[in-house]
């Protein structure tokens, strides 16, 4: 059985770190290779290269990851019980 708190926090931090890496990548490469258009599409109200845009993108990224954990863990635990398997050990 998976622990919902551990998985949600892990996925939230993973997506937040991935967001920061995407921003750093965008600062290092030429504009034609930026992730800015993609980030602006998937993160509501995100604006590239502003302080508030960065903060909002970081929070939204974390929340997306946490949401995945909150939805995935109950489904996994239900199926692990239902199918008779022990599931993954946390």
N, C-alpha and C. Protein backbone atom coordinates (compact mmCIF):
# COMPACT_ATOMS: atom_id res chain seq x y z
N UNK A 1 0.83 -1.17 0.00
CA UNK A 1 0.00 0.00 0.00
C UNK A 1 0.88 1.25 0.00
N UNK A 2 0.50 2.19 -0.82
CA UNK A 2 1.25 3.43 -0.90
C UNK A 2 0.72 4.44 0.11
N UNK A 3 1.60 5.26 0.62
CA UNK A 3 1.24 6.32 1.55
C UNK A 3 0.92 7.58 0.74
N UNK A 4 -0.32 8.05 0.82
CA UNK A 4 -0.76 9.17 -0.01
C UNK A 4 0.03 10.45 0.27
N UNK A 5 0.40 10.66 1.52
CA UNK A 5 1.14 11.87 1.88
C UNK A 5 2.55 11.86 1.27
N UNK A 6 3.22 10.73 1.37
CA UNK A 6 4.58 10.61 0.84
C UNK A 6 4.57 10.75 -0.68
N UNK A 7 3.68 10.05 -1.34
CA UNK A 7 3.63 10.09 -2.80
C UNK A 7 3.24 11.47 -3.31
N UNK A 8 2.25 12.10 -2.68
CA UNK A 8 1.80 13.43 -3.13
C UNK A 8 2.91 14.47 -2.96
N UNK A 9 3.57 14.46 -1.81
CA UNK A 9 4.67 15.39 -1.59
C UNK A 9 5.83 15.11 -2.56
N UNK A 10 6.12 13.84 -2.79
CA UNK A 10 7.22 13.49 -3.70
C UNK A 10 6.93 13.98 -5.12
N UNK A 11 5.72 13.75 -5.59
CA UNK A 11 5.37 14.18 -6.94
C UNK A 11 5.28 15.70 -7.03
N UNK A 12 4.79 16.35 -5.99
CA UNK A 12 4.74 17.81 -5.97
C UNK A 12 6.13 18.41 -6.06
N UNK A 13 7.06 17.90 -5.27
CA UNK A 13 8.43 18.39 -5.31
C UNK A 13 9.11 18.07 -6.64
N UNK A 14 8.82 16.89 -7.17
CA UNK A 14 9.39 16.52 -8.47
C UNK A 14 8.95 17.49 -9.56
N UNK A 15 7.66 17.82 -9.60
CA UNK A 15 7.19 18.73 -10.65
C UNK A 15 7.68 20.15 -10.41
N UNK A 16 7.81 20.58 -9.16
CA UNK A 16 8.34 21.91 -8.86
C UNK A 16 9.81 22.01 -9.30
N UNK A 17 10.60 20.99 -9.00
CA UNK A 17 12.00 20.97 -9.41
C UNK A 17 12.09 20.94 -10.93
N UNK A 18 11.23 20.18 -11.58
CA UNK A 18 11.22 20.13 -13.05
C UNK A 18 10.90 21.50 -13.64
N UNK A 19 9.98 22.23 -13.01
CA UNK A 19 9.65 23.58 -13.47
C UNK A 19 10.87 24.49 -13.38
N UNK A 20 11.57 24.45 -12.24
CA UNK A 20 12.76 25.29 -12.07
C UNK A 20 13.81 24.93 -13.12
N UNK A 21 14.00 23.65 -13.40
CA UNK A 21 14.96 23.24 -14.42
C UNK A 21 14.55 23.72 -15.80
N UNK A 22 13.25 23.72 -16.10
CA UNK A 22 12.76 24.24 -17.39
C UNK A 22 13.04 25.73 -17.52
N UNK A 23 12.87 26.48 -16.43
CA UNK A 23 13.14 27.92 -16.46
C UNK A 23 14.64 28.17 -16.65
N UNK A 24 15.46 27.43 -15.93
CA UNK A 24 16.92 27.57 -16.09
C UNK A 24 17.32 27.23 -17.52
N UNK A 25 16.76 26.17 -18.05
CA UNK A 25 17.03 25.77 -19.43
C UNK A 25 16.67 26.91 -20.38
N UNK A 26 15.50 27.53 -20.14
CA UNK A 26 15.05 28.63 -20.99
C UNK A 26 15.96 29.84 -20.93
N UNK A 27 16.64 30.03 -19.80
CA UNK A 27 17.57 31.15 -19.66
C UNK A 27 18.91 30.88 -20.34
N UNK A 28 19.24 29.60 -20.53
CA UNK A 28 20.54 29.24 -21.07
C UNK A 28 20.57 29.02 -22.58
N UNK A 29 19.44 28.71 -23.17
CA UNK A 29 19.41 28.36 -24.60
C UNK A 29 18.83 29.51 -25.42
N UNK A 30 19.03 29.47 -26.74
CA UNK A 30 18.45 30.51 -27.59
C UNK A 30 16.92 30.50 -27.53
N UNK A 31 16.28 31.65 -27.79
CA UNK A 31 14.82 31.75 -27.70
C UNK A 31 14.05 30.73 -28.54
N UNK A 32 14.64 30.27 -29.63
CA UNK A 32 13.94 29.29 -30.48
C UNK A 32 13.76 27.94 -29.78
N UNK A 33 14.54 27.68 -28.74
CA UNK A 33 14.46 26.42 -28.01
C UNK A 33 13.80 26.55 -26.65
N UNK A 34 13.23 27.70 -26.34
CA UNK A 34 12.61 27.93 -25.03
C UNK A 34 11.43 27.02 -24.76
N UNK A 35 11.19 26.80 -23.47
CA UNK A 35 10.01 26.09 -23.02
C UNK A 35 8.88 27.06 -22.69
N UNK A 36 9.12 28.37 -22.84
CA UNK A 36 8.15 29.39 -22.44
C UNK A 36 6.77 29.19 -23.06
N UNK A 37 6.66 28.97 -24.37
CA UNK A 37 5.31 28.78 -24.94
C UNK A 37 4.57 27.58 -24.32
N UNK A 38 5.29 26.50 -24.09
CA UNK A 38 4.66 25.32 -23.49
C UNK A 38 4.21 25.62 -22.06
N UNK A 39 5.09 26.23 -21.27
CA UNK A 39 4.75 26.55 -19.89
C UNK A 39 3.56 27.50 -19.82
N UNK A 40 3.50 28.47 -20.73
CA UNK A 40 2.38 29.41 -20.73
C UNK A 40 1.07 28.72 -21.13
N UNK A 41 1.16 27.64 -21.90
CA UNK A 41 -0.05 26.90 -22.28
C UNK A 41 -0.58 26.04 -21.14
N UNK A 42 0.31 25.39 -20.41
CA UNK A 42 -0.13 24.42 -19.39
C UNK A 42 -0.29 25.00 -17.99
N UNK A 43 0.27 26.16 -17.74
CA UNK A 43 0.17 26.79 -16.41
C UNK A 43 -0.67 28.06 -16.53
N UNK A 44 -1.90 28.03 -16.02
CA UNK A 44 -2.79 29.20 -16.13
C UNK A 44 -2.17 30.45 -15.51
N UNK A 45 -2.25 31.56 -16.22
CA UNK A 45 -1.79 32.89 -15.80
C UNK A 45 -0.27 32.99 -15.68
N UNK A 46 0.48 31.99 -16.11
CA UNK A 46 1.94 32.04 -16.06
C UNK A 46 2.44 32.98 -17.15
N UNK A 47 3.35 33.88 -16.77
CA UNK A 47 4.01 34.78 -17.72
C UNK A 47 5.51 34.56 -17.62
N UNK A 48 6.15 34.39 -18.76
CA UNK A 48 7.57 34.08 -18.80
C UNK A 48 8.41 35.24 -18.27
N UNK A 49 9.35 34.91 -17.46
CA UNK A 49 10.41 35.78 -16.99
C UNK A 49 9.93 36.99 -16.18
N UNK A 50 8.92 36.78 -15.37
CA UNK A 50 8.55 37.78 -14.36
C UNK A 50 8.63 37.10 -13.00
N UNK A 51 8.86 37.87 -11.96
CA UNK A 51 8.97 37.30 -10.63
C UNK A 51 7.68 36.60 -10.23
N UNK A 52 6.54 37.29 -10.42
CA UNK A 52 5.25 36.70 -10.03
C UNK A 52 4.89 35.53 -10.93
N UNK A 53 5.28 35.60 -12.19
CA UNK A 53 5.05 34.47 -13.09
C UNK A 53 5.82 33.24 -12.64
N UNK A 54 7.07 33.45 -12.21
CA UNK A 54 7.88 32.33 -11.72
C UNK A 54 7.26 31.73 -10.46
N UNK A 55 6.88 32.61 -9.52
CA UNK A 55 6.29 32.12 -8.25
C UNK A 55 4.99 31.35 -8.52
N UNK A 56 4.15 31.91 -9.38
CA UNK A 56 2.89 31.25 -9.71
C UNK A 56 3.15 29.91 -10.41
N UNK A 57 4.08 29.88 -11.35
CA UNK A 57 4.41 28.64 -12.05
C UNK A 57 4.95 27.58 -11.11
N UNK A 58 5.74 28.00 -10.14
CA UNK A 58 6.29 27.05 -9.17
C UNK A 58 5.18 26.44 -8.32
N UNK A 59 4.27 27.29 -7.84
CA UNK A 59 3.15 26.80 -7.02
C UNK A 59 2.23 25.90 -7.85
N UNK A 60 1.91 26.33 -9.07
CA UNK A 60 1.03 25.52 -9.93
C UNK A 60 1.66 24.18 -10.25
N UNK A 61 2.95 24.17 -10.52
CA UNK A 61 3.65 22.92 -10.83
C UNK A 61 3.58 21.96 -9.63
N UNK A 62 3.85 22.50 -8.45
CA UNK A 62 3.77 21.67 -7.25
C UNK A 62 2.36 21.10 -7.08
N UNK A 63 1.34 21.94 -7.27
CA UNK A 63 -0.04 21.49 -7.09
C UNK A 63 -0.44 20.44 -8.12
N UNK A 64 0.04 20.57 -9.35
CA UNK A 64 -0.23 19.54 -10.35
C UNK A 64 0.33 18.19 -9.91
N UNK A 65 1.56 18.18 -9.42
CA UNK A 65 2.17 16.94 -8.95
C UNK A 65 1.45 16.36 -7.76
N UNK A 66 1.09 17.22 -6.81
CA UNK A 66 0.37 16.74 -5.62
C UNK A 66 -0.99 16.17 -6.02
N UNK A 67 -1.65 16.81 -6.98
CA UNK A 67 -2.94 16.32 -7.47
C UNK A 67 -2.79 14.91 -8.05
N UNK A 68 -1.76 14.69 -8.82
CA UNK A 68 -1.53 13.36 -9.39
C UNK A 68 -1.38 12.33 -8.28
N UNK A 69 -0.63 12.66 -7.24
CA UNK A 69 -0.47 11.75 -6.11
C UNK A 69 -1.78 11.49 -5.39
N UNK A 70 -2.58 12.55 -5.20
CA UNK A 70 -3.87 12.40 -4.51
C UNK A 70 -4.85 11.53 -5.29
N UNK A 71 -4.74 11.53 -6.61
CA UNK A 71 -5.63 10.71 -7.43
C UNK A 71 -5.05 9.30 -7.62
N UNK A 72 -3.75 9.21 -7.83
CA UNK A 72 -3.13 7.93 -8.15
C UNK A 72 -3.12 6.95 -6.97
N UNK A 73 -2.75 7.42 -5.79
CA UNK A 73 -2.58 6.52 -4.64
C UNK A 73 -3.86 5.78 -4.27
N UNK A 74 -5.02 6.44 -4.14
CA UNK A 74 -6.23 5.67 -3.83
C UNK A 74 -6.57 4.64 -4.91
N UNK A 75 -6.35 5.00 -6.17
CA UNK A 75 -6.61 4.04 -7.25
C UNK A 75 -5.67 2.85 -7.12
N UNK A 76 -4.38 3.12 -6.91
CA UNK A 76 -3.41 2.04 -6.76
C UNK A 76 -3.75 1.14 -5.57
N UNK A 77 -4.04 1.76 -4.43
CA UNK A 77 -4.33 0.97 -3.22
C UNK A 77 -5.61 0.15 -3.39
N UNK A 78 -6.62 0.73 -4.04
CA UNK A 78 -7.85 -0.01 -4.29
C UNK A 78 -7.58 -1.23 -5.17
N UNK A 79 -6.85 -1.02 -6.25
CA UNK A 79 -6.57 -2.13 -7.16
C UNK A 79 -5.66 -3.17 -6.51
N UNK A 80 -4.73 -2.72 -5.67
CA UNK A 80 -3.84 -3.68 -4.98
C UNK A 80 -4.66 -4.58 -4.05
N UNK A 81 -5.64 -3.99 -3.35
CA UNK A 81 -6.50 -4.80 -2.47
C UNK A 81 -7.42 -5.70 -3.30
N UNK A 82 -8.01 -5.13 -4.33
CA UNK A 82 -8.99 -5.83 -5.14
C UNK A 82 -8.38 -7.03 -5.88
N UNK A 83 -7.16 -6.84 -6.36
CA UNK A 83 -6.50 -7.90 -7.14
C UNK A 83 -5.74 -8.88 -6.25
N UNK A 84 -5.73 -8.63 -4.97
CA UNK A 84 -5.09 -9.56 -4.05
C UNK A 84 -3.60 -9.43 -3.95
N UNK A 85 -3.02 -8.44 -4.65
CA UNK A 85 -1.57 -8.24 -4.57
C UNK A 85 -1.22 -7.43 -3.35
N UNK A 86 0.02 -7.48 -2.95
CA UNK A 86 0.46 -6.71 -1.80
C UNK A 86 0.78 -5.28 -2.20
N UNK A 87 0.92 -5.00 -3.51
CA UNK A 87 1.22 -3.66 -3.96
C UNK A 87 2.68 -3.34 -3.70
N UNK A 88 3.03 -2.11 -3.98
CA UNK A 88 4.39 -1.64 -3.75
C UNK A 88 4.57 -1.28 -2.29
N UNK A 89 5.72 -1.54 -1.77
CA UNK A 89 6.00 -1.20 -0.37
C UNK A 89 6.61 0.20 -0.32
N UNK A 90 6.09 1.02 0.57
CA UNK A 90 6.62 2.40 0.71
C UNK A 90 7.63 2.46 1.81
